[in-house]
Every structure is written in structure tokens, then in C-alpha cells.
Amino acid sequence: MKREVLPGALADISAVGGVTGHPDSIWLLDYWGKKDVAGILLMPPTRHVMLHLNDCCKWKEHIRSKKKLFAGYQSEG
């Protein structure tokens, strides 16, 4: 679990379409390459969820109040 993610494994992820060449996707290979196997396995059920918690709270508030989420956003309806 403490070993680094192997470059070949990252190449496999790219080859099977796990990430695309788009800048919003390709950066993940570099990020994952700096983690150990334990960090990769624990990320989805722990840290990754926390990254999106604030977004979920904003969506909930928007749905309940019909307020703008951010400047420039136009609510339809």
C-alpha cells in the first residue's frame, strides 16, 4: 500500500479512456502519480467527497431559495 503508483498503471488509465487529453482531465495523471496506492484507494470514499461538499451545499441552497449561485448565472424558469 505504501508503494508509488507505477507509470505503466497511469499509462493504462489513459489508454482505456479513464482520463482524456482535455486539461480538465489530464492533470489527474500527474496528481495520481504523486500518491501512493493507499492514497489512491482511500481518496474516493474520504477526501474526494469533502472537495464537493461545499458545491452540494450551494446547490441545495439554490434549489430551496431560487437565488443566483454566482454572478452572471441566470436562473431559467
PDB file of N, CA and C in Angstrom:
ATOM      1  N   MET A   1       0.811  -1.207   0.000  1.00  0.00           N
ATOM      2  CA  MET A   1       0.000   0.000   0.000  1.00  0.00           C
ATOM      3  C   MET A   1       0.855   1.272   0.000  1.00  0.00           C
ATOM      4  N   LYS A   2       2.072   1.150   0.449  1.00  0.00           N
ATOM      5  CA  LYS A   2       2.936   2.327   0.519  1.00  0.00           C
ATOM      6  C   LYS A   2       3.713   2.569  -0.772  1.00  0.00           C
ATOM      7  N   ARG A   3       3.601   1.637  -1.740  1.00  0.00           N
ATOM      8  CA  ARG A   3       4.377   1.828  -2.970  1.00  0.00           C
ATOM      9  C   ARG A   3       3.749   2.915  -3.841  1.00  0.00           C
ATOM     10  N   GLU A   4       4.597   3.543  -4.622  1.00  0.00           N
ATOM     11  CA  GLU A   4       4.133   4.586  -5.534  1.00  0.00           C
ATOM     12  C   GLU A   4       3.305   3.970  -6.656  1.00  0.00           C
ATOM     13  N   VAL A   5       2.452   4.777  -7.240  1.00  0.00           N
ATOM     14  CA  VAL A   5       1.689   4.337  -8.406  1.00  0.00           C
ATOM     15  C   VAL A   5       2.667   4.252  -9.569  1.00  0.00           C
ATOM     16  N   LEU A   6       2.686   3.133 -10.247  1.00  0.00           N
ATOM     17  CA  LEU A   6       3.638   2.917 -11.332  1.00  0.00           C
ATOM     18  C   LEU A   6       3.252   3.698 -12.587  1.00  0.00           C
ATOM     19  N   PRO A   7       4.247   4.260 -13.288  1.00  0.00           N
ATOM     20  CA  PRO A   7       3.958   4.999 -14.524  1.00  0.00           C
ATOM     21  C   PRO A   7       3.170   4.165 -15.540  1.00  0.00           C
ATOM     22  N   GLY A   8       3.443   2.858 -15.606  1.00  0.00           N
ATOM     23  CA  GLY A   8       2.702   1.997 -16.522  1.00  0.00           C
ATOM     24  C   GLY A   8       1.223   1.935 -16.190  1.00  0.00           C
ATOM     25  N   ALA A   9       0.899   1.970 -14.903  1.00  0.00           N
ATOM     26  CA  ALA A   9      -0.503   1.958 -14.481  1.00  0.00           C
ATOM     27  C   ALA A   9      -1.198   3.249 -14.917  1.00  0.00           C
ATOM     28  N   LEU A  10      -0.486   4.356 -14.822  1.00  0.00           N
ATOM     29  CA  LEU A  10      -1.050   5.630 -15.259  1.00  0.00           C
ATOM     30  C   LEU A  10      -1.259   5.638 -16.771  1.00  0.00           C
ATOM     31  N   ALA A  11      -0.327   5.054 -17.505  1.00  0.00           N
ATOM     32  CA  ALA A  11      -0.466   4.953 -18.956  1.00  0.00           C
ATOM     33  C   ALA A  11      -1.667   4.076 -19.313  1.00  0.00           C
ATOM     34  N   ASP A  12      -1.891   3.017 -18.549  1.00  0.00           N
ATOM     35  CA  ASP A  12      -3.052   2.151 -18.781  1.00  0.00           C
ATOM     36  C   ASP A  12      -4.356   2.901 -18.563  1.00  0.00           C
ATOM     37  N   ILE A  13      -4.406   3.719 -17.535  1.00  0.00           N
ATOM     38  CA  ILE A  13      -5.609   4.516 -17.265  1.00  0.00           C
ATOM     39  C   ILE A  13      -5.925   5.404 -18.454  1.00  0.00           C
ATOM     40  N   SER A  14      -4.912   6.035 -18.991  1.00  0.00           N
ATOM     41  CA  SER A  14      -5.084   6.903 -20.158  1.00  0.00           C
ATOM     42  C   SER A  14      -5.490   6.095 -21.388  1.00  0.00           C
ATOM     43  N   ALA A  15      -4.869   4.948 -21.589  1.00  0.00           N
ATOM     44  CA  ALA A  15      -5.124   4.127 -22.773  1.00  0.00           C
ATOM     45  C   ALA A  15      -6.555   3.607 -22.833  1.00  0.00           C
ATOM     46  N   VAL A  16      -7.145   3.303 -21.691  1.00  0.00           N
ATOM     47  CA  VAL A  16      -8.509   2.772 -21.682  1.00  0.00           C
ATOM     48  C   VAL A  16      -9.569   3.868 -21.567  1.00  0.00           C
ATOM     49  N   GLY A  17      -9.133   5.128 -21.569  1.00  0.00           N
ATOM     50  CA  GLY A  17     -10.083   6.244 -21.541  1.00  0.00           C
ATOM     51  C   GLY A  17     -10.484   6.697 -20.151  1.00  0.00           C
ATOM     52  N   GLY A  18      -9.716   6.310 -19.137  1.00  0.00           N
ATOM     53  CA  GLY A  18     -10.010   6.745 -17.774  1.00  0.00           C
ATOM     54  C   GLY A  18      -9.866   8.247 -17.595  1.00  0.00           C
ATOM     55  N   VAL A  19      -9.017   8.853 -18.394  1.00  0.00           N
ATOM     56  CA  VAL A  19      -8.892  10.308 -18.496  1.00  0.00           C
ATOM     57  C   VAL A  19      -8.773  10.644 -19.978  1.00  0.00           C
ATOM     58  N   THR A  20      -9.099  11.862 -20.311  1.00  0.00           N
ATOM     59  CA  THR A  20      -8.975  12.311 -21.690  1.00  0.00           C
ATOM     60  C   THR A  20      -7.796  13.266 -21.793  1.00  0.00           C
ATOM     61  N   GLY A  21      -7.514  13.747 -22.983  1.00  0.00           N
ATOM     62  CA  GLY A  21      -6.445  14.711 -23.181  1.00  0.00           C
ATOM     63  C   GLY A  21      -6.852  16.126 -22.811  1.00  0.00           C
ATOM     64  N   HIS A  22      -8.097  16.323 -22.417  1.00  0.00           N
ATOM     65  CA  HIS A  22      -8.593  17.655 -22.044  1.00  0.00           C
ATOM     66  C   HIS A  22      -7.894  18.119 -20.762  1.00  0.00           C
ATOM     67  N   PRO A  23      -7.543  19.402 -20.665  1.00  0.00           N
ATOM     68  CA  PRO A  23      -6.849  19.911 -19.473  1.00  0.00           C
ATOM     69  C   PRO A  23      -7.606  19.664 -18.164  1.00  0.00           C
ATOM     70  N   ASP A  24      -8.944  19.612 -18.220  1.00  0.00           N
ATOM     71  CA  ASP A  24      -9.721  19.354 -17.005  1.00  0.00           C
ATOM     72  C   ASP A  24      -9.641  17.893 -16.566  1.00  0.00           C
ATOM     73  N   SER A  25      -9.047  17.040 -17.391  1.00  0.00           N
ATOM     74  CA  SER A  25      -8.951  15.620 -17.094  1.00  0.00           C
ATOM     75  C   SER A  25      -7.505  15.145 -16.954  1.00  0.00           C
ATOM     76  N   ILE A  26      -6.655  15.561 -17.857  1.00  0.00           N
ATOM     77  CA  ILE A  26      -5.290  15.029 -17.948  1.00  0.00           C
ATOM     78  C   ILE A  26      -4.444  15.323 -16.706  1.00  0.00           C
ATOM     79  N   TRP A  27      -4.746  16.388 -15.991  1.00  0.00           N
ATOM     80  CA  TRP A  27      -3.972  16.736 -14.798  1.00  0.00           C
ATOM     81  C   TRP A  27      -4.055  15.646 -13.732  1.00  0.00           C
ATOM     82  N   LEU A  28      -5.125  14.833 -13.791  1.00  0.00           N
ATOM     83  CA  LEU A  28      -5.278  13.773 -12.802  1.00  0.00           C
ATOM     84  C   LEU A  28      -4.130  12.768 -12.836  1.00  0.00           C
ATOM     85  N   LEU A  29      -3.587  12.494 -14.016  1.00  0.00           N
ATOM     86  CA  LEU A  29      -2.472  11.549 -14.098  1.00  0.00           C
ATOM     87  C   LEU A  29      -1.267  12.043 -13.312  1.00  0.00           C
ATOM     88  N   ASP A  30      -0.978  13.323 -13.414  1.00  0.00           N
ATOM     89  CA  ASP A  30       0.137  13.901 -12.655  1.00  0.00           C
ATOM     90  C   ASP A  30      -0.160  13.850 -11.156  1.00  0.00           C
ATOM     91  N   TYR A  31      -1.372  14.186 -10.787  1.00  0.00           N
ATOM     92  CA  TYR A  31      -1.782  14.175  -9.382  1.00  0.00           C
ATOM     93  C   TYR A  31      -1.694  12.770  -8.794  1.00  0.00           C
ATOM     94  N   TRP A  32      -2.269  11.790  -9.501  1.00  0.00           N
ATOM     95  CA  TRP A  32      -2.243  10.413  -9.031  1.00  0.00           C
ATOM     96  C   TRP A  32      -0.819   9.872  -8.971  1.00  0.00           C
ATOM     97  N   GLY A  33       0.039  10.327  -9.880  1.00  0.00           N
ATOM     98  CA  GLY A  33       1.415   9.860  -9.914  1.00  0.00           C
ATOM     99  C   GLY A  33       2.225  10.265  -8.696  1.00  0.00           C
ATOM    100  N   LYS A  34       1.735  11.223  -7.942  1.00  0.00           N
ATOM    101  CA  LYS A  34       2.429  11.679  -6.736  1.00  0.00           C
ATOM    102  C   LYS A  34       1.914  10.995  -5.475  1.00  0.00           C
ATOM    103  N   LYS A  35       0.927  10.126  -5.615  1.00  0.00           N
ATOM    104  CA  LYS A  35       0.319   9.443  -4.471  1.00  0.00           C
ATOM    105  C   LYS A  35       0.838   8.014  -4.354  1.00  0.00           C
ATOM    106  N   ASP A  36       0.656   7.430  -3.183  1.00  0.00           N
ATOM    107  CA  ASP A  36       0.927   6.004  -3.052  1.00  0.00           C
ATOM    108  C   ASP A  36      -0.388   5.256  -3.255  1.00  0.00           C
ATOM    109  N   VAL A  37      -0.312   3.946  -3.337  1.00  0.00           N
ATOM    110  CA  VAL A  37      -1.504   3.140  -3.623  1.00  0.00           C
ATOM    111  C   VAL A  37      -2.577   3.356  -2.559  1.00  0.00           C
ATOM    112  N   ALA A  38      -2.201   3.417  -1.307  1.00  0.00           N
ATOM    113  CA  ALA A  38      -3.176   3.640  -0.233  1.00  0.00           C
ATOM    114  C   ALA A  38      -3.902   4.961  -0.418  1.00  0.00           C
ATOM    115  N   GLY A  39      -3.176   5.999  -0.802  1.00  0.00           N
ATOM    116  CA  GLY A  39      -3.799   7.303  -1.022  1.00  0.00           C
ATOM    117  C   GLY A  39      -4.804   7.280  -2.149  1.00  0.00           C
ATOM    118  N   ILE A  40      -4.508   6.543  -3.208  1.00  0.00           N
ATOM    119  CA  ILE A  40      -5.431   6.433  -4.337  1.00  0.00           C
ATOM    120  C   ILE A  40      -6.685   5.669  -3.925  1.00  0.00           C
ATOM    121  N   LEU A  41      -6.514   4.587  -3.181  1.00  0.00           N
ATOM    122  CA  LEU A  41      -7.667   3.784  -2.768  1.00  0.00           C
ATOM    123  C   LEU A  41      -8.560   4.500  -1.760  1.00  0.00           C
ATOM    124  N   LEU A  42      -7.971   5.304  -0.903  1.00  0.00           N
ATOM    125  CA  LEU A  42      -8.748   5.999   0.125  1.00  0.00           C
ATOM    126  C   LEU A  42      -9.367   7.300  -0.354  1.00  0.00           C
ATOM    127  N   MET A  43      -8.891   7.840  -1.458  1.00  0.00           N
ATOM    128  CA  MET A  43      -9.366   9.136  -1.907  1.00  0.00           C
ATOM    129  C   MET A  43     -10.870   9.179  -2.205  1.00  0.00           C
ATOM    130  N   PRO A  44     -11.428   8.261  -2.998  1.00  0.00           N
ATOM    131  CA  PRO A  44     -12.858   8.382  -3.309  1.00  0.00           C
ATOM    132  C   PRO A  44     -13.783   8.385  -2.092  1.00  0.00           C
ATOM    133  N   PRO A  45     -13.615   7.470  -1.130  1.00  0.00           N
ATOM    134  CA  PRO A  45     -14.560   7.482  -0.015  1.00  0.00           C
ATOM    135  C   PRO A  45     -14.254   8.518   1.067  1.00  0.00           C
ATOM    136  N   THR A  46     -13.134   9.204   0.961  1.00  0.00           N
ATOM    137  CA  THR A  46     -12.772  10.155   2.015  1.00  0.00           C
ATOM    138  C   THR A  46     -12.589  11.562   1.462  1.00  0.00           C
ATOM    139  N   ARG A  47     -11.415  11.877   1.018  1.00  0.00           N
ATOM    140  CA  ARG A  47     -11.076  13.241   0.632  1.00  0.00           C
ATOM    141  C   ARG A  47     -11.874  13.774  -0.548  1.00  0.00           C
ATOM    142  N   HIS A  48     -12.121  12.962  -1.555  1.00  0.00           N
ATOM    143  CA  HIS A  48     -12.798  13.471  -2.752  1.00  0.00           C
ATOM    144  C   HIS A  48     -14.201  13.970  -2.431  1.00  0.00           C
ATOM    145  N   VAL A  49     -14.904  13.261  -1.577  1.00  0.00           N
ATOM    146  CA  VAL A  49     -16.252  13.678  -1.191  1.00  0.00           C
ATOM    147  C   VAL A  49     -16.206  15.054  -0.528  1.00  0.00           C
ATOM    148  N   MET A  50     -15.222  15.264   0.318  1.00  0.00           N
ATOM    149  CA  MET A  50     -15.101  16.549   1.019  1.00  0.00           C
ATOM    150  C   MET A  50     -14.880  17.709   0.056  1.00  0.00           C
ATOM    151  N   LEU A  51     -14.213  17.444  -1.062  1.00  0.00           N
ATOM    152  CA  LEU A  51     -13.976  18.502  -2.039  1.00  0.00           C
ATOM    153  C   LEU A  51     -15.276  19.043  -2.623  1.00  0.00           C
ATOM    154  N   HIS A  52     -16.275  18.185  -2.741  1.00  0.00           N
ATOM    155  CA  HIS A  52     -17.524  18.581  -3.386  1.00  0.00           C
ATOM    156  C   HIS A  52     -18.636  18.926  -2.405  1.00  0.00           C
ATOM    157  N   LEU A  53     -18.393  18.801  -1.122  1.00  0.00           N
ATOM    158  CA  LEU A  53     -19.415  19.083  -0.134  1.00  0.00           C
ATOM    159  C   LEU A  53     -19.904  20.529  -0.213  1.00  0.00           C
ATOM    160  N   ASN A  54     -18.996  21.476  -0.376  1.00  0.00           N
ATOM    161  CA  ASN A  54     -19.382  22.881  -0.478  1.00  0.00           C
ATOM    162  C   ASN A  54     -20.259  23.117  -1.705  1.00  0.00           C
ATOM    163  N   ASP A  55     -19.925  22.499  -2.834  1.00  0.00           N
ATOM    164  CA  ASP A  55     -20.757  22.630  -4.030  1.00  0.00           C
ATOM    165  C   ASP A  55     -22.168  22.112  -3.780  1.00  0.00           C
ATOM    166  N   CYS A  56     -22.267  20.991  -3.114  1.00  0.00           N
ATOM    167  CA  CYS A  56     -23.580  20.404  -2.823  1.00  0.00           C
ATOM    168  C   CYS A  56     -24.412  21.327  -1.937  1.00  0.00           C
ATOM    169  N   CYS A  57     -23.775  21.947  -0.970  1.00  0.00           N
ATOM    170  CA  CYS A  57     -24.492  22.884  -0.095  1.00  0.00           C
ATOM    171  C   CYS A  57     -25.003  24.082  -0.889  1.00  0.00           C
ATOM    172  N   LYS A  58     -24.205  24.580  -1.823  1.00  0.00           N
ATOM    173  CA  LYS A  58     -24.632  25.698  -2.660  1.00  0.00           C
ATOM    174  C   LYS A  58     -25.804  25.303  -3.547  1.00  0.00           C
ATOM    175  N   TRP A  59     -25.754  24.099  -4.132  1.00  0.00           N
ATOM    176  CA  TRP A  59     -26.864  23.631  -4.973  1.00  0.00           C
ATOM    177  C   TRP A  59     -28.140  23.505  -4.149  1.00  0.00           C
ATOM    178  N   LYS A  60     -28.016  22.961  -2.953  1.00  0.00           N
ATOM    179  CA  LYS A  60     -29.177  22.802  -2.074  1.00  0.00           C
ATOM    180  C   LYS A  60     -29.790  24.160  -1.766  1.00  0.00           C
ATOM    181  N   GLU A  61     -28.966  25.126  -1.420  1.00  0.00           N
ATOM    182  CA  GLU A  61     -29.456  26.478  -1.131  1.00  0.00           C
ATOM    183  C   GLU A  61     -30.132  27.082  -2.360  1.00  0.00           C
ATOM    184  N   HIS A  62     -29.545  26.895  -3.512  1.00  0.00           N
ATOM    185  CA  HIS A  62     -30.120  27.416  -4.744  1.00  0.00           C
ATOM    186  C   HIS A  62     -31.490  26.794  -5.012  1.00  0.00           C
ATOM    187  N   ILE A  63     -31.580  25.503  -4.869  1.00  0.00           N
ATOM    188  CA  ILE A  63     -32.843  24.807  -5.126  1.00  0.00           C
ATOM    189  C   ILE A  63     -33.929  25.278  -4.163  1.00  0.00           C
ATOM    190  N   ARG A  64     -33.563  25.456  -2.920  1.00  0.00           N
ATOM    191  CA  ARG A  64     -34.544  25.885  -1.917  1.00  0.00           C
ATOM    192  C   ARG A  64     -34.924  27.352  -2.041  1.00  0.00           C
ATOM    193  N   SER A  65     -34.011  28.199  -2.459  1.00  0.00           N
ATOM    194  CA  SER A  65     -34.272  29.641  -2.456  1.00  0.00           C
ATOM    195  C   SER A  65     -34.427  30.251  -3.835  1.00  0.00           C
ATOM    196  N   LYS A  66     -34.026  29.535  -4.859  1.00  0.00           N
ATOM    197  CA  LYS A  66     -34.038  30.044  -6.236  1.00  0.00           C
ATOM    198  C   LYS A  66     -33.146  31.281  -6.380  1.00  0.00           C
ATOM    199  N   LYS A  67     -32.148  31.431  -5.503  1.00  0.00           N
ATOM    200  CA  LYS A  67     -31.198  32.532  -5.599  1.00  0.00           C
ATOM    201  C   LYS A  67     -30.144  32.211  -6.635  1.00  0.00           C
ATOM    202  N   LYS A  68     -29.443  33.240  -7.091  1.00  0.00           N
ATOM    203  CA  LYS A  68     -28.337  33.041  -8.020  1.00  0.00           C
ATOM    204  C   LYS A  68     -27.198  32.328  -7.304  1.00  0.00           C
ATOM    205  N   LEU A  69     -26.575  31.380  -8.006  1.00  0.00           N
ATOM    206  CA  LEU A  69     -25.429  30.672  -7.437  1.00  0.00           C
ATOM    207  C   LEU A  69     -24.175  31.521  -7.465  1.00  0.00           C
ATOM    208  N   PHE A  70     -24.007  32.303  -8.533  1.00  0.00           N
ATOM    209  CA  PHE A  70     -22.837  33.152  -8.666  1.00  0.00           C
ATOM    210  C   PHE A  70     -23.177  34.268  -9.652  1.00  0.00           C
ATOM    211  N   ALA A  71     -22.384  35.311  -9.642  1.00  0.00           N
ATOM    212  CA  ALA A  71     -22.612  36.443 -10.542  1.00  0.00           C
ATOM    213  C   ALA A  71     -22.621  35.975 -11.988  1.00  0.00           C
ATOM    214  N   GLY A  72     -23.580  36.402 -12.734  1.00  0.00           N
ATOM    215  CA  GLY A  72     -23.659  36.050 -14.134  1.00  0.00           C
ATOM    216  C   GLY A  72     -24.548  34.854 -14.419  1.00  0.00           C
ATOM    217  N   TYR A  73     -24.929  34.120 -13.379  1.00  0.00           N
ATOM    218  CA  TYR A  73     -25.791  32.955 -13.562  1.00  0.00           C
ATOM    219  C   TYR A  73     -27.231  33.432 -13.706  1.00  0.00           C
ATOM    220  N   GLN A  74     -27.894  32.977 -14.728  1.00  0.00           N
ATOM    221  CA  GLN A  74     -29.282  33.334 -14.936  1.00  0.00           C
ATOM    222  C   GLN A  74     -30.153  32.101 -14.731  1.00  0.00           C
ATOM    223  N   SER A  75     -30.989  32.141 -13.743  1.00  0.00           N
ATOM    224  CA  SER A  75     -31.890  31.026 -13.457  1.00  0.00           C
ATOM    225  C   SER A  75     -32.978  30.977 -14.509  1.00  0.00           C
ATOM    226  N   GLU A  76     -33.224  29.793 -15.042  1.00  0.00           N
ATOM    227  CA  GLU A  76     -34.295  29.623 -16.023  1.00  0.00           C
ATOM    228  C   GLU A  76     -35.586  29.348 -15.296  1.00  0.00           C
ATOM    229  N   GLY A  77     -36.667  29.830 -15.850  1.00  0.00           N
ATOM    230  CA  GLY A  77     -37.947  29.482 -15.254  1.00  0.00           C
ATOM    231  C   GLY A  77     -38.666  30.681 -14.893  1.00  0.00           C
TER     232      GLY A  77
END
